[in-house]
N, C-alpha and C. Protein backbone atom coordinates (compact mmCIF):
# COMPACT_ATOMS: atom_id res chain seq x y z
N MET A 1 -8.70 -32.25 -0.28
CA MET A 1 -7.73 -31.76 0.58
C MET A 1 -7.01 -32.92 1.41
N LYS A 2 -7.90 -33.82 1.72
CA LYS A 2 -7.45 -35.08 2.51
C LYS A 2 -6.45 -35.88 1.54
N ASP A 3 -6.78 -36.03 0.34
CA ASP A 3 -5.94 -36.75 -0.63
C ASP A 3 -4.65 -36.12 -0.79
N ALA A 4 -4.59 -34.75 -0.66
CA ALA A 4 -3.33 -33.99 -0.89
C ALA A 4 -2.52 -33.94 0.47
N GLY A 5 -3.19 -34.47 1.51
CA GLY A 5 -2.50 -34.46 2.83
C GLY A 5 -2.52 -33.10 3.53
N LEU A 6 -3.58 -32.27 3.15
CA LEU A 6 -3.69 -31.01 3.73
C LEU A 6 -4.78 -30.93 4.77
N GLU A 7 -4.83 -29.84 5.60
CA GLU A 7 -5.91 -29.64 6.67
C GLU A 7 -7.20 -29.45 5.88
N ALA A 8 -8.28 -29.75 6.44
CA ALA A 8 -9.54 -29.43 5.92
C ALA A 8 -9.81 -27.99 5.80
N SER A 9 -10.52 -27.59 4.74
CA SER A 9 -10.87 -26.24 4.51
C SER A 9 -11.89 -25.76 5.56
N VAL A 10 -11.89 -24.41 5.83
CA VAL A 10 -12.92 -23.85 6.73
C VAL A 10 -13.94 -23.08 5.91
N PHE A 11 -15.13 -23.40 6.12
CA PHE A 11 -16.29 -22.75 5.38
C PHE A 11 -17.01 -21.85 6.35
N GLU A 12 -17.32 -20.57 5.94
CA GLU A 12 -17.99 -19.64 6.76
C GLU A 12 -19.03 -18.99 5.88
N SER A 13 -20.19 -18.63 6.44
CA SER A 13 -21.31 -17.96 5.78
C SER A 13 -21.87 -16.93 6.78
N THR A 14 -21.50 -15.65 6.54
CA THR A 14 -22.17 -14.57 7.30
C THR A 14 -22.65 -13.47 6.33
N GLY A 15 -23.53 -13.84 5.53
CA GLY A 15 -23.95 -12.86 4.49
C GLY A 15 -23.07 -13.07 3.22
N PHE A 16 -21.87 -13.44 3.34
CA PHE A 16 -20.91 -13.79 2.29
C PHE A 16 -20.53 -15.19 2.49
N PHE A 17 -20.06 -15.85 1.45
CA PHE A 17 -19.47 -17.12 1.52
C PHE A 17 -17.97 -17.08 1.52
N LYS A 18 -17.34 -17.68 2.52
CA LYS A 18 -15.91 -17.59 2.63
C LYS A 18 -15.38 -18.97 2.88
N VAL A 19 -14.25 -19.35 2.10
CA VAL A 19 -13.57 -20.63 2.31
C VAL A 19 -12.12 -20.29 2.67
N THR A 20 -11.60 -20.86 3.77
CA THR A 20 -10.21 -20.70 4.04
C THR A 20 -9.45 -22.00 3.83
N PHE A 21 -8.41 -22.03 2.94
CA PHE A 21 -7.63 -23.17 2.59
C PHE A 21 -6.37 -23.10 3.49
N LYS A 22 -6.04 -24.14 4.20
CA LYS A 22 -4.82 -24.13 4.97
C LYS A 22 -3.72 -24.71 4.23
N ARG A 23 -2.63 -24.01 4.15
CA ARG A 23 -1.48 -24.58 3.37
C ARG A 23 -0.48 -25.15 4.28
N PRO A 24 0.37 -26.13 3.83
CA PRO A 24 1.30 -26.71 4.78
C PRO A 24 2.43 -25.70 5.05
N LEU A 25 3.01 -25.78 6.28
CA LEU A 25 4.08 -25.01 6.69
C LEU A 25 5.28 -25.27 5.65
N MET A 26 5.98 -24.17 5.39
CA MET A 26 7.14 -24.24 4.58
C MET A 26 8.36 -24.47 5.41
N HIS A 27 9.18 -25.36 5.05
CA HIS A 27 10.39 -25.57 5.76
C HIS A 27 11.49 -24.59 5.47
N THR A 28 12.01 -23.92 6.45
CA THR A 28 13.19 -22.96 6.12
C THR A 28 14.35 -23.64 6.64
N LEU A 29 15.42 -23.85 5.83
CA LEU A 29 16.62 -24.50 6.20
C LEU A 29 17.36 -23.64 7.21
N THR A 30 18.06 -24.27 8.13
CA THR A 30 19.01 -23.59 8.99
C THR A 30 20.37 -23.66 8.30
N ILE A 31 21.20 -22.87 8.79
CA ILE A 31 22.57 -22.78 8.13
C ILE A 31 23.31 -24.11 8.23
N GLU A 32 22.94 -24.86 9.32
CA GLU A 32 23.58 -26.25 9.38
C GLU A 32 23.19 -27.24 8.34
N GLU A 33 21.99 -26.98 7.84
CA GLU A 33 21.42 -27.91 6.83
C GLU A 33 21.76 -27.61 5.38
N VAL A 34 22.44 -26.41 5.13
CA VAL A 34 22.87 -26.06 3.85
C VAL A 34 24.33 -26.40 3.54
N PRO A 35 24.55 -27.04 2.45
CA PRO A 35 26.00 -27.46 2.12
C PRO A 35 26.83 -26.10 1.96
N ASP A 36 28.14 -26.25 2.09
CA ASP A 36 29.06 -25.16 1.93
C ASP A 36 28.81 -24.43 0.68
N ARG A 37 28.64 -25.10 -0.37
CA ARG A 37 28.37 -24.49 -1.73
C ARG A 37 27.31 -25.34 -2.36
N MET A 38 26.59 -24.79 -3.17
CA MET A 38 25.54 -25.46 -3.87
C MET A 38 26.28 -26.36 -5.04
N PRO A 39 25.63 -27.52 -5.37
CA PRO A 39 26.31 -28.36 -6.32
C PRO A 39 26.52 -27.60 -7.60
N ILE A 40 27.62 -27.86 -8.37
CA ILE A 40 27.96 -27.11 -9.57
C ILE A 40 26.92 -27.19 -10.61
N LYS A 41 26.20 -28.28 -10.77
CA LYS A 41 25.15 -28.46 -11.77
C LYS A 41 24.02 -27.38 -11.51
N LEU A 42 23.88 -27.00 -10.30
CA LEU A 42 22.83 -26.16 -9.96
C LEU A 42 23.21 -24.65 -10.13
N THR A 43 24.53 -24.40 -10.31
CA THR A 43 24.94 -23.02 -10.39
C THR A 43 25.56 -22.81 -11.85
N HIS A 44 25.59 -23.68 -12.67
CA HIS A 44 26.13 -23.51 -14.02
C HIS A 44 25.50 -22.33 -14.67
N GLY A 45 26.32 -21.45 -15.14
CA GLY A 45 25.79 -20.29 -15.97
C GLY A 45 25.34 -19.13 -15.04
N LEU A 46 25.60 -19.21 -13.68
CA LEU A 46 25.32 -18.07 -12.85
C LEU A 46 26.52 -17.30 -12.42
N THR A 47 26.37 -16.00 -12.24
CA THR A 47 27.51 -15.21 -11.67
C THR A 47 27.66 -15.47 -10.24
N GLU A 48 28.77 -15.00 -9.74
CA GLU A 48 29.10 -15.21 -8.28
C GLU A 48 28.00 -14.58 -7.45
N ASN A 49 27.53 -13.33 -7.75
CA ASN A 49 26.39 -12.69 -7.00
C ASN A 49 25.17 -13.47 -7.06
N GLU A 50 24.87 -14.05 -8.27
CA GLU A 50 23.61 -14.77 -8.42
C GLU A 50 23.62 -16.05 -7.62
N ILE A 51 24.81 -16.70 -7.54
CA ILE A 51 24.99 -17.92 -6.74
C ILE A 51 24.81 -17.49 -5.22
N ARG A 52 25.36 -16.40 -4.81
CA ARG A 52 25.22 -16.00 -3.44
C ARG A 52 23.79 -15.66 -3.06
N VAL A 53 23.02 -15.08 -3.98
CA VAL A 53 21.53 -14.91 -3.80
C VAL A 53 20.85 -16.23 -3.66
N CYS A 54 21.18 -17.08 -4.50
CA CYS A 54 20.51 -18.50 -4.42
C CYS A 54 20.89 -19.17 -3.06
N GLU A 55 22.14 -18.99 -2.67
CA GLU A 55 22.49 -19.56 -1.32
C GLU A 55 21.63 -18.99 -0.22
N LEU A 56 21.48 -17.68 -0.23
CA LEU A 56 20.67 -17.04 0.74
C LEU A 56 19.23 -17.58 0.74
N ILE A 57 18.69 -17.66 -0.44
CA ILE A 57 17.38 -18.15 -0.62
C ILE A 57 17.19 -19.62 -0.15
N SER A 58 18.23 -20.44 -0.38
CA SER A 58 18.15 -21.81 0.03
C SER A 58 18.23 -21.97 1.53
N ILE A 59 18.68 -20.92 2.22
CA ILE A 59 18.75 -20.92 3.72
C ILE A 59 17.30 -20.37 4.27
N ASP A 60 16.75 -19.43 3.55
CA ASP A 60 15.51 -18.87 4.03
C ASP A 60 14.71 -18.48 2.81
N VAL A 61 13.67 -19.21 2.46
CA VAL A 61 12.90 -18.97 1.32
C VAL A 61 12.04 -17.74 1.38
N ARG A 62 11.92 -17.17 2.64
CA ARG A 62 11.13 -15.90 2.83
C ARG A 62 12.04 -14.70 3.01
N ILE A 63 13.26 -14.85 2.72
CA ILE A 63 14.26 -13.75 2.92
C ILE A 63 13.79 -12.56 2.08
N THR A 64 14.00 -11.35 2.65
CA THR A 64 13.56 -10.07 1.98
C THR A 64 14.76 -9.65 1.15
N ILE A 65 14.50 -8.83 0.15
CA ILE A 65 15.54 -8.15 -0.64
C ILE A 65 16.43 -7.28 0.20
N ILE A 66 15.77 -6.60 1.19
CA ILE A 66 16.64 -5.76 2.08
C ILE A 66 17.55 -6.59 2.88
N LYS A 67 17.07 -7.75 3.48
CA LYS A 67 17.98 -8.56 4.21
C LYS A 67 19.09 -9.22 3.33
N MET A 68 18.73 -9.54 2.11
CA MET A 68 19.72 -10.05 1.09
C MET A 68 20.76 -8.99 0.89
N SER A 69 20.41 -7.77 0.68
CA SER A 69 21.31 -6.67 0.42
C SER A 69 22.26 -6.48 1.47
N LYS A 70 21.79 -6.53 2.75
CA LYS A 70 22.72 -6.50 3.89
C LYS A 70 23.71 -7.61 3.98
N GLU A 71 23.18 -8.87 3.79
CA GLU A 71 24.06 -10.01 3.77
C GLU A 71 25.20 -9.91 2.75
N LEU A 72 24.76 -9.44 1.47
CA LEU A 72 25.62 -9.42 0.32
C LEU A 72 26.43 -8.13 0.38
N LYS A 73 26.16 -7.16 1.17
CA LYS A 73 26.78 -5.90 1.28
C LYS A 73 26.62 -5.20 -0.09
N LEU A 74 25.48 -5.25 -0.70
CA LEU A 74 25.03 -4.53 -1.83
C LEU A 74 23.91 -3.59 -1.64
N THR A 75 23.66 -2.70 -2.52
CA THR A 75 22.40 -1.85 -2.42
C THR A 75 21.22 -2.66 -2.77
N THR A 76 20.04 -2.18 -2.28
CA THR A 76 18.81 -2.91 -2.74
C THR A 76 18.61 -2.84 -4.22
N ARG A 77 19.00 -1.80 -4.88
CA ARG A 77 18.95 -1.73 -6.29
C ARG A 77 19.64 -2.80 -7.03
N GLN A 78 21.02 -2.98 -6.48
CA GLN A 78 21.86 -3.96 -7.09
C GLN A 78 21.27 -5.38 -6.86
N THR A 79 20.62 -5.65 -5.73
CA THR A 79 20.08 -6.94 -5.36
C THR A 79 18.78 -7.15 -6.24
N HIS A 80 18.06 -6.13 -6.47
CA HIS A 80 16.81 -6.20 -7.38
C HIS A 80 17.32 -6.62 -8.73
N ILE A 81 18.39 -6.03 -9.29
CA ILE A 81 18.90 -6.42 -10.60
C ILE A 81 19.33 -7.85 -10.62
N ILE A 82 20.00 -8.33 -9.58
CA ILE A 82 20.35 -9.72 -9.54
C ILE A 82 19.14 -10.58 -9.56
N ILE A 83 18.15 -10.30 -8.70
CA ILE A 83 16.94 -11.06 -8.73
C ILE A 83 16.24 -11.04 -10.13
N SER A 84 16.23 -9.88 -10.76
CA SER A 84 15.52 -9.84 -12.07
C SER A 84 16.35 -10.66 -13.11
N LEU A 85 17.69 -10.79 -13.01
CA LEU A 85 18.46 -11.62 -13.87
C LEU A 85 18.20 -13.06 -13.61
N LEU A 86 18.08 -13.45 -12.39
CA LEU A 86 17.77 -14.84 -12.02
C LEU A 86 16.38 -15.19 -12.44
N THR A 87 15.42 -14.23 -12.34
CA THR A 87 14.01 -14.45 -12.90
C THR A 87 14.04 -14.68 -14.40
N GLU A 88 14.72 -13.75 -15.15
CA GLU A 88 14.82 -13.88 -16.63
C GLU A 88 15.43 -15.17 -17.07
N LYS A 89 16.39 -15.72 -16.27
CA LYS A 89 17.07 -16.99 -16.61
C LYS A 89 16.16 -18.19 -16.19
N GLY A 90 15.06 -17.86 -15.48
CA GLY A 90 14.14 -18.96 -15.06
C GLY A 90 14.64 -19.72 -13.98
N THR A 91 15.50 -19.10 -13.11
CA THR A 91 16.09 -19.85 -11.97
C THR A 91 15.28 -19.69 -10.74
N VAL A 92 14.93 -18.36 -10.43
CA VAL A 92 14.17 -18.04 -9.19
C VAL A 92 12.92 -17.35 -9.49
N ARG A 93 11.94 -17.59 -8.72
CA ARG A 93 10.59 -16.80 -8.80
C ARG A 93 9.95 -16.58 -7.43
N ARG A 94 9.34 -15.44 -7.36
CA ARG A 94 8.70 -15.05 -6.11
C ARG A 94 7.18 -15.56 -6.21
N ILE A 95 6.79 -16.36 -5.21
CA ILE A 95 5.42 -16.74 -5.18
C ILE A 95 4.73 -16.10 -3.99
N GLY A 96 3.58 -15.51 -4.27
CA GLY A 96 2.82 -14.87 -3.20
C GLY A 96 3.20 -13.35 -3.17
N SER A 97 2.70 -12.71 -2.03
CA SER A 97 2.90 -11.30 -1.97
C SER A 97 4.30 -10.98 -1.58
N LYS A 98 4.64 -9.56 -1.64
CA LYS A 98 5.84 -9.18 -1.19
C LYS A 98 6.11 -9.35 0.34
N LYS A 99 4.99 -9.20 1.02
CA LYS A 99 5.03 -9.32 2.50
C LYS A 99 5.18 -10.81 2.97
N THR A 100 4.25 -11.62 2.44
CA THR A 100 4.12 -12.99 2.96
C THR A 100 4.59 -14.10 2.02
N GLY A 101 5.07 -13.70 0.87
CA GLY A 101 5.50 -14.67 -0.21
C GLY A 101 6.77 -15.41 0.11
N SER A 102 7.13 -16.27 -0.78
CA SER A 102 8.46 -16.89 -0.69
C SER A 102 9.11 -17.13 -2.03
N TRP A 103 10.33 -17.52 -2.06
CA TRP A 103 11.09 -17.70 -3.27
C TRP A 103 11.15 -19.19 -3.55
N VAL A 104 11.03 -19.51 -4.85
CA VAL A 104 11.16 -20.94 -5.33
C VAL A 104 12.16 -21.02 -6.40
N PHE A 105 12.77 -22.18 -6.58
CA PHE A 105 13.68 -22.33 -7.70
C PHE A 105 13.22 -23.04 -8.83
N PHE A 106 13.49 -22.63 -10.05
CA PHE A 106 13.05 -23.24 -11.30
C PHE A 106 14.24 -23.43 -12.24
N GLY A 107 13.96 -23.99 -13.39
CA GLY A 107 14.91 -24.01 -14.39
C GLY A 107 16.31 -24.68 -13.98
N ALA A 108 17.45 -23.97 -14.07
CA ALA A 108 18.73 -24.49 -13.70
C ALA A 108 18.83 -25.00 -12.34
N MET A 109 17.96 -24.58 -11.41
CA MET A 109 18.12 -25.02 -10.08
C MET A 109 17.45 -26.28 -9.79
N LYS A 110 16.75 -26.94 -10.69
CA LYS A 110 16.10 -28.18 -10.53
C LYS A 110 17.15 -29.33 -10.39
């Protein structure tokens, strides 16, 4: 953990053995830190709605589909479809649970 620059793990034993790993805080960009548009090489082959979803994710990696839908003025079903297409293209993936997870970019977004 020290070599990776992470906090030390917490070990507990109360009849069961439990280890808690502390992960680093994830940085969420503020609107001021995000460029007006993502560079063209990052958006090549994406539709306008897919680009808009990527922009929202770049501002807040923990954004929910409900919040995205409101920002995009789309239904949650439409937003789910866009996310599914981005996932199929290997551009975006959800890491962690629906409640506490975050979005990460892969593929074309590298």
